[in-house]
Amino acid sequence: MCQVMEERPRMILFKNDKTQNRFVKGGLRRTSFTLIELMIVLVILGLLGAIVGPQFLGKVEKAERQSAKTQIDLLSSSVKDYYLDVNEYPPNLKALVKNPGNEKWDGPYLDPPKLPEDPWDEPYKYKKDVTVQGRHLDFDIVSYGADNSPGGEGKNEDIHRISLDDN
């Protein structure tokens, strides 16, 4: 016995070349989006970007500042190691990777022997015998922040070695 399967007819009732709309199986099927639908999607994406963007940027700024603090801490330790070997503070940070002519020098004091730049691609500033935030220091290492000029607030605030000390 042969069963005859009933074939359903396609129900394309109307096709308009301008809108590409079709009636298929009793419903309207569109093959493109309307301008309003696209605008709604763009507005939603814009709102999401406005909410998420500043939070992400805040994290980036915080990470840059933390990176600078960590590198300053590393450089400070290297300066102290230099002092233990030579019995004086280095004349500049380059003396941590290249002997400035002192026979007691036992460096390089950084591994790898290369001076890091701050997160804003500027060299760290090194000063001997300075007063920072009302405290006298034998040396200070500072990053001037995103604007690379002394002072500032927020992302432009200076990052000093003193802020790393417990005292």
Foldseek 3Di string as FASTA:
>chain_A
DDDDDDDDDWDFDDADVVQRWTQTPNRIDGDDDDPVVVVVVVVVVVVVCVVVVVVVVLVVLVVLLVQQLVLQVLLVVLQVVQCVQQVAGDPFSLCCQDPPPGPSGDDVSDVVSDQDDRPLRHGWDKDAQDADPNRTDRMKTKQQFNVRDADDDDRRHMDMNVVVDPD
